[in-house]
């Protein structure tokens, strides 16, 4: 959390919610998310707020405000990454002796392969 902002500041909450909204629309990080935030602001897609209303809530798009805005994006991206479920990937390894076990196919397997071959 940025030590320059107060956690109880409602403008900070609104600013974080805006950034979170934009981040969920387009899973990107800084500076790509900046374009999405400008798009959302120009169309009033977040609560109907344009650039003026966002500025009242602590979101400004000027050059002087870039470090604060980038910090908010970084904070939201970190929070969102922690909320996403993790995908576990495993690798299958060959089992020793499996080739010997498959020497003679079962009767059902032979019938199924003959049936599938007839359908071609």
N, C-alpha and C. Protein backbone atom coordinates (compact mmCIF):
# COMPACT_ATOMS: atom_id res chain seq x y z
N UNK A 1 0.83 -1.17 0.00
CA UNK A 1 0.00 0.00 0.00
C UNK A 1 0.88 1.23 0.00
N UNK A 2 0.47 2.25 -0.72
CA UNK A 2 1.22 3.49 -0.83
C UNK A 2 1.12 4.27 0.47
N UNK A 3 2.26 4.59 1.11
CA UNK A 3 2.21 5.31 2.38
C UNK A 3 1.70 6.73 2.25
N UNK A 4 1.65 7.26 1.02
CA UNK A 4 1.19 8.65 0.84
C UNK A 4 -0.33 8.77 0.89
N UNK A 5 -1.05 7.67 0.83
CA UNK A 5 -2.50 7.78 0.88
C UNK A 5 -3.05 7.21 2.17
N UNK A 6 -4.14 7.77 2.59
CA UNK A 6 -4.80 7.30 3.81
C UNK A 6 -5.79 6.21 3.45
N UNK A 7 -5.78 5.07 4.16
CA UNK A 7 -6.69 3.97 3.82
C UNK A 7 -8.16 4.34 3.96
N UNK A 8 -8.49 5.28 4.82
CA UNK A 8 -9.90 5.63 5.02
C UNK A 8 -10.38 6.69 4.04
N UNK A 9 -9.55 7.12 3.12
CA UNK A 9 -9.89 8.15 2.15
C UNK A 9 -10.89 7.59 1.13
N UNK A 10 -12.12 8.13 1.09
CA UNK A 10 -13.12 7.61 0.15
C UNK A 10 -12.73 7.83 -1.31
N UNK A 11 -11.97 8.92 -1.58
CA UNK A 11 -11.53 9.14 -2.96
C UNK A 11 -10.56 8.04 -3.40
N UNK A 12 -9.74 7.57 -2.49
CA UNK A 12 -8.82 6.49 -2.81
C UNK A 12 -9.60 5.21 -3.10
N UNK A 13 -10.64 4.95 -2.33
CA UNK A 13 -11.48 3.77 -2.58
C UNK A 13 -12.12 3.85 -3.96
N UNK A 14 -12.64 5.03 -4.31
CA UNK A 14 -13.27 5.20 -5.62
C UNK A 14 -12.24 5.07 -6.73
N UNK A 15 -11.04 5.58 -6.50
CA UNK A 15 -9.98 5.48 -7.50
C UNK A 15 -9.59 4.02 -7.70
N UNK A 16 -9.43 3.29 -6.61
CA UNK A 16 -9.09 1.87 -6.71
C UNK A 16 -10.21 1.08 -7.39
N UNK A 17 -11.45 1.41 -7.10
CA UNK A 17 -12.57 0.73 -7.74
C UNK A 17 -12.59 0.99 -9.25
N UNK A 18 -12.27 2.23 -9.64
CA UNK A 18 -12.21 2.56 -11.06
C UNK A 18 -11.10 1.76 -11.76
N UNK A 19 -9.94 1.74 -11.15
CA UNK A 19 -8.82 0.99 -11.74
C UNK A 19 -9.16 -0.50 -11.80
N UNK A 20 -9.77 -1.02 -10.75
CA UNK A 20 -10.17 -2.43 -10.71
C UNK A 20 -11.17 -2.74 -11.83
N UNK A 21 -12.13 -1.84 -12.02
CA UNK A 21 -13.12 -1.99 -13.09
C UNK A 21 -12.42 -2.07 -14.45
N UNK A 22 -11.49 -1.18 -14.69
CA UNK A 22 -10.77 -1.16 -15.96
C UNK A 22 -9.89 -2.40 -16.11
N UNK A 23 -9.26 -2.81 -15.03
CA UNK A 23 -8.39 -3.99 -15.07
C UNK A 23 -9.20 -5.26 -15.37
N UNK A 24 -10.40 -5.34 -14.86
CA UNK A 24 -11.22 -6.52 -15.12
C UNK A 24 -11.75 -6.52 -16.55
N UNK A 25 -11.91 -5.34 -17.13
CA UNK A 25 -12.33 -5.25 -18.53
C UNK A 25 -11.21 -5.69 -19.46
N UNK A 26 -10.00 -5.29 -19.12
CA UNK A 26 -8.84 -5.62 -19.96
C UNK A 26 -7.69 -6.01 -19.04
N UNK A 27 -7.41 -7.29 -18.97
CA UNK A 27 -6.34 -7.81 -18.11
C UNK A 27 -4.98 -7.37 -18.65
N UNK A 28 -4.57 -6.19 -18.27
CA UNK A 28 -3.30 -5.64 -18.72
C UNK A 28 -2.65 -4.93 -17.55
N UNK A 29 -1.40 -4.58 -17.73
CA UNK A 29 -0.70 -3.84 -16.69
C UNK A 29 -0.29 -2.49 -17.26
N UNK A 30 0.36 -1.71 -16.46
CA UNK A 30 0.80 -0.39 -16.87
C UNK A 30 1.85 -0.55 -17.95
N UNK A 31 1.87 0.17 -19.02
CA UNK A 31 1.04 1.31 -19.42
C UNK A 31 -0.16 0.94 -20.28
N UNK A 32 -0.33 -0.36 -20.64
CA UNK A 32 -1.45 -0.74 -21.50
C UNK A 32 -2.79 -0.43 -20.85
N UNK A 33 -2.85 -0.57 -19.53
CA UNK A 33 -4.12 -0.30 -18.85
C UNK A 33 -4.48 1.18 -18.89
N UNK A 34 -3.49 2.04 -19.03
CA UNK A 34 -3.75 3.48 -19.14
C UNK A 34 -4.68 3.75 -20.32
N UNK A 35 -4.45 3.10 -21.45
CA UNK A 35 -5.32 3.29 -22.62
C UNK A 35 -6.75 2.86 -22.31
N UNK A 36 -6.90 1.75 -21.61
CA UNK A 36 -8.24 1.29 -21.24
C UNK A 36 -8.93 2.28 -20.31
N UNK A 37 -8.18 2.82 -19.36
CA UNK A 37 -8.76 3.80 -18.43
C UNK A 37 -9.20 5.05 -19.17
N UNK A 38 -8.42 5.51 -20.14
CA UNK A 38 -8.81 6.66 -20.95
C UNK A 38 -10.07 6.35 -21.76
N UNK A 39 -10.14 5.14 -22.30
CA UNK A 39 -11.31 4.72 -23.07
C UNK A 39 -12.56 4.71 -22.18
N UNK A 40 -12.44 4.13 -21.00
CA UNK A 40 -13.58 4.07 -20.07
C UNK A 40 -14.00 5.48 -19.66
N UNK A 41 -13.05 6.33 -19.37
CA UNK A 41 -13.37 7.71 -18.95
C UNK A 41 -14.02 8.50 -20.09
N UNK A 42 -13.51 8.34 -21.29
CA UNK A 42 -14.05 9.12 -22.41
C UNK A 42 -15.48 8.71 -22.76
N UNK A 43 -15.87 7.50 -22.43
CA UNK A 43 -17.23 7.03 -22.72
C UNK A 43 -18.12 6.99 -21.49
N UNK A 44 -17.57 7.33 -20.32
CA UNK A 44 -18.37 7.32 -19.10
C UNK A 44 -18.87 5.94 -18.72
N UNK A 45 -18.06 4.92 -18.96
CA UNK A 45 -18.49 3.55 -18.72
C UNK A 45 -18.49 3.15 -17.24
N UNK A 46 -17.80 3.89 -16.41
CA UNK A 46 -17.76 3.59 -14.98
C UNK A 46 -18.68 4.58 -14.26
N UNK A 47 -19.84 4.14 -13.86
CA UNK A 47 -20.85 4.96 -13.15
C UNK A 47 -21.19 6.24 -13.89
N UNK A 48 -20.97 6.27 -15.19
CA UNK A 48 -21.25 7.47 -15.97
C UNK A 48 -20.23 8.59 -15.76
N UNK A 49 -19.14 8.30 -15.11
CA UNK A 49 -18.13 9.31 -14.80
C UNK A 49 -17.22 9.54 -16.00
N UNK A 50 -17.06 10.81 -16.32
CA UNK A 50 -16.09 11.21 -17.33
C UNK A 50 -14.80 11.67 -16.66
N UNK A 51 -13.97 12.38 -17.40
CA UNK A 51 -12.69 12.83 -16.87
C UNK A 51 -12.87 13.77 -15.67
N UNK A 52 -13.86 14.64 -15.72
CA UNK A 52 -14.09 15.58 -14.61
C UNK A 52 -14.49 14.89 -13.33
N UNK A 53 -15.44 13.98 -13.42
CA UNK A 53 -15.89 13.25 -12.23
C UNK A 53 -14.78 12.37 -11.67
N UNK A 54 -14.02 11.75 -12.54
CA UNK A 54 -12.91 10.93 -12.07
C UNK A 54 -11.86 11.77 -11.36
N UNK A 55 -11.62 12.97 -11.86
CA UNK A 55 -10.66 13.87 -11.21
C UNK A 55 -11.14 14.25 -9.80
N UNK A 56 -12.44 14.40 -9.62
CA UNK A 56 -13.00 14.68 -8.30
C UNK A 56 -12.76 13.53 -7.32
N UNK A 57 -12.58 12.33 -7.85
CA UNK A 57 -12.37 11.14 -7.02
C UNK A 57 -10.92 10.66 -7.03
N UNK A 58 -10.03 11.51 -7.47
CA UNK A 58 -8.61 11.20 -7.37
C UNK A 58 -7.97 10.54 -8.56
N UNK A 59 -8.69 10.45 -9.67
CA UNK A 59 -8.11 9.88 -10.89
C UNK A 59 -7.91 11.00 -11.89
N UNK A 60 -6.65 11.29 -12.17
CA UNK A 60 -6.31 12.31 -13.16
C UNK A 60 -5.34 11.68 -14.15
N UNK A 61 -5.41 12.13 -15.39
CA UNK A 61 -4.65 11.51 -16.46
C UNK A 61 -3.48 12.36 -16.95
N UNK A 62 -3.17 13.43 -16.24
CA UNK A 62 -2.07 14.30 -16.64
C UNK A 62 -0.71 13.70 -16.33
N UNK A 63 0.31 14.29 -16.91
CA UNK A 63 1.67 13.79 -16.75
C UNK A 63 2.12 13.83 -15.29
N UNK A 64 1.73 14.85 -14.56
CA UNK A 64 2.13 14.97 -13.15
C UNK A 64 1.49 13.89 -12.28
N UNK A 65 0.35 13.37 -12.68
CA UNK A 65 -0.36 12.36 -11.90
C UNK A 65 0.01 10.93 -12.27
N UNK A 66 0.86 10.75 -13.27
CA UNK A 66 1.21 9.41 -13.74
C UNK A 66 1.80 8.50 -12.65
N UNK A 67 2.71 8.98 -11.81
CA UNK A 67 3.25 8.07 -10.78
C UNK A 67 2.17 7.54 -9.84
N UNK A 68 1.24 8.39 -9.41
CA UNK A 68 0.16 7.94 -8.52
C UNK A 68 -0.74 6.95 -9.24
N UNK A 69 -1.08 7.25 -10.48
CA UNK A 69 -1.97 6.37 -11.25
C UNK A 69 -1.29 5.01 -11.50
N UNK A 70 -0.01 5.03 -11.82
CA UNK A 70 0.73 3.78 -12.03
C UNK A 70 0.80 2.98 -10.73
N UNK A 71 0.91 3.66 -9.60
CA UNK A 71 0.92 2.97 -8.31
C UNK A 71 -0.41 2.31 -8.02
N UNK A 72 -1.50 2.98 -8.35
CA UNK A 72 -2.83 2.38 -8.17
C UNK A 72 -3.00 1.15 -9.06
N UNK A 73 -2.52 1.24 -10.28
CA UNK A 73 -2.60 0.10 -11.20
C UNK A 73 -1.79 -1.06 -10.66
N UNK A 74 -0.61 -0.78 -10.15
CA UNK A 74 0.24 -1.83 -9.59
C UNK A 74 -0.43 -2.50 -8.39
N UNK A 75 -1.03 -1.70 -7.54
CA UNK A 75 -1.72 -2.23 -6.36
C UNK A 75 -2.89 -3.12 -6.76
N UNK A 76 -3.70 -2.66 -7.69
CA UNK A 76 -4.86 -3.44 -8.13
C UNK A 76 -4.42 -4.71 -8.83
N UNK A 77 -3.41 -4.63 -9.69
CA UNK A 77 -2.93 -5.82 -10.40
C UNK A 77 -2.43 -6.86 -9.40
N UNK A 78 -1.76 -6.42 -8.35
CA UNK A 78 -1.29 -7.35 -7.32
C UNK A 78 -2.44 -8.01 -6.58
N UNK A 79 -3.47 -7.22 -6.24
CA UNK A 79 -4.64 -7.76 -5.56
C UNK A 79 -5.37 -8.76 -6.44
N UNK A 80 -5.54 -8.41 -7.70
CA UNK A 80 -6.27 -9.27 -8.63
C UNK A 80 -5.51 -10.57 -8.88
N UNK A 81 -4.20 -10.50 -8.94
CA UNK A 81 -3.41 -11.71 -9.16
C UNK A 81 -3.56 -12.66 -7.98
N UNK A 82 -3.69 -12.13 -6.79
CA UNK A 82 -3.87 -12.97 -5.61
C UNK A 82 -5.23 -13.62 -5.55
N UNK A 83 -6.21 -13.06 -6.22
CA UNK A 83 -7.57 -13.60 -6.20
C UNK A 83 -7.82 -14.65 -7.26
N UNK A 84 -7.02 -14.65 -8.33
CA UNK A 84 -7.24 -15.60 -9.41
C UNK A 84 -6.84 -17.00 -8.98
N UNK A 85 -7.63 -17.99 -9.36
CA UNK A 85 -7.25 -19.37 -9.03
C UNK A 85 -6.01 -19.77 -9.80
N UNK A 86 -5.22 -20.57 -9.18
CA UNK A 86 -3.99 -21.05 -9.80
C UNK A 86 -4.28 -22.34 -10.56
N UNK A 87 -3.69 -22.49 -11.70
CA UNK A 87 -3.84 -23.67 -12.51
C UNK A 87 -2.67 -24.60 -12.21
N UNK A 88 -2.99 -25.79 -11.79
CA UNK A 88 -1.95 -26.77 -11.52
C UNK A 88 -1.74 -27.62 -12.76
N UNK A 89 -0.51 -27.72 -13.16
CA UNK A 89 -0.17 -28.49 -14.35
C UNK A 89 0.76 -29.61 -13.93
N UNK A 90 0.46 -30.80 -14.37
CA UNK A 90 1.30 -31.95 -14.06
C UNK A 90 1.79 -32.60 -15.34
N UNK A 91 2.85 -33.32 -15.22
CA UNK A 91 3.38 -34.06 -16.37
C UNK A 91 3.23 -35.54 -16.11
N UNK A 92 2.80 -36.24 -17.12
CA UNK A 92 2.63 -37.68 -16.98
C UNK A 92 3.92 -38.35 -17.39
N UNK A 93 4.35 -39.28 -16.59
CA UNK A 93 5.55 -40.03 -16.91
C UNK A 93 5.17 -41.46 -17.25
N UNK A 94 5.91 -42.08 -18.14
CA UNK A 94 5.58 -43.46 -18.49
C UNK A 94 5.78 -44.40 -17.30
N UNK A 95 4.92 -45.37 -17.21
CA UNK A 95 4.99 -46.34 -16.13
C UNK A 95 5.75 -47.56 -16.63
N UNK A 96 6.75 -47.98 -15.88
CA UNK A 96 7.55 -49.14 -16.27
C UNK A 96 6.66 -50.38 -16.28
N UNK A 97 6.82 -51.22 -17.29
CA UNK A 97 6.07 -52.46 -17.38
C UNK A 97 4.72 -52.32 -18.04
N UNK A 98 4.33 -51.11 -18.40
CA UNK A 98 3.02 -50.90 -19.02
C UNK A 98 2.98 -51.50 -20.43
N UNK A 99 4.09 -51.42 -21.14
CA UNK A 99 4.13 -51.96 -22.50
C UNK A 99 3.90 -53.47 -22.49
N UNK A 100 4.47 -54.17 -21.51
CA UNK A 100 4.29 -55.62 -21.43
C UNK A 100 2.85 -55.97 -21.10
N UNK A 101 2.18 -55.14 -20.37
CA UNK A 101 0.80 -55.42 -19.96
C UNK A 101 -0.16 -55.31 -21.15
N UNK A 102 0.24 -54.61 -22.21
CA UNK A 102 -0.64 -54.41 -23.35
C UNK A 102 -0.32 -55.34 -24.52
N UNK A 103 0.26 -56.46 -24.29
CA UNK A 103 0.64 -57.35 -25.38
C UNK A 103 -0.58 -57.86 -26.13
N UNK A 104 -1.58 -58.32 -25.43
CA UNK A 104 -2.76 -58.91 -26.05
C UNK A 104 -3.96 -58.02 -25.75
N UNK A 105 -4.56 -57.39 -26.75
CA UNK A 105 -5.74 -56.57 -26.47
C UNK A 105 -6.91 -57.43 -26.04
N UNK A 106 -7.73 -56.88 -25.22
CA UNK A 106 -8.91 -57.59 -24.74
C UNK A 106 -9.89 -57.80 -25.89
N UNK A 107 -10.77 -58.79 -25.73
CA UNK A 107 -11.74 -59.13 -26.77
C UNK A 107 -12.64 -57.93 -27.09
N UNK A 108 -13.06 -57.19 -26.06
CA UNK A 108 -13.93 -56.03 -26.27
C UNK A 108 -13.21 -54.96 -27.09
N UNK A 109 -11.91 -54.78 -26.83
CA UNK A 109 -11.14 -53.77 -27.57
C UNK A 109 -11.02 -54.17 -29.03
N UNK A 110 -10.83 -55.46 -29.32
CA UNK A 110 -10.75 -55.91 -30.72
C UNK A 110 -12.08 -55.70 -31.43
N UNK A 111 -13.17 -55.99 -30.75
CA UNK A 111 -14.49 -55.79 -31.35
C UNK A 111 -14.75 -54.31 -31.63
N UNK A 112 -14.37 -53.45 -30.66
CA UNK A 112 -14.59 -52.02 -30.84
C UNK A 112 -13.75 -51.49 -32.01
N UNK A 113 -12.50 -51.91 -32.12
CA UNK A 113 -11.68 -51.42 -33.23
C UNK A 113 -12.19 -51.94 -34.56
N UNK A 114 -12.70 -53.18 -34.60
CA UNK A 114 -13.27 -53.70 -35.84
C UNK A 114 -14.52 -52.92 -36.22
N UNK A 115 -15.35 -52.58 -35.23
CA UNK A 115 -16.57 -51.81 -35.46
C UNK A 115 -16.23 -50.41 -35.98
N UNK A 116 -15.23 -49.78 -35.37
CA UNK A 116 -14.84 -48.43 -35.78
C UNK A 116 -14.25 -48.47 -37.18
N UNK A 117 -13.51 -49.52 -37.50
CA UNK A 117 -12.94 -49.64 -38.84
C UNK A 117 -14.01 -49.84 -39.88
N UNK A 118 -15.11 -50.53 -39.55
CA UNK A 118 -16.19 -50.76 -40.49
C UNK A 118 -16.97 -49.49 -40.77
N UNK A 119 -16.95 -48.55 -39.82
CA UNK A 119 -17.71 -47.32 -39.98
C UNK A 119 -17.00 -46.33 -40.91
N UNK A 120 -15.75 -46.56 -41.19
CA UNK A 120 -15.00 -45.61 -42.04
C UNK A 120 -15.40 -45.67 -43.43
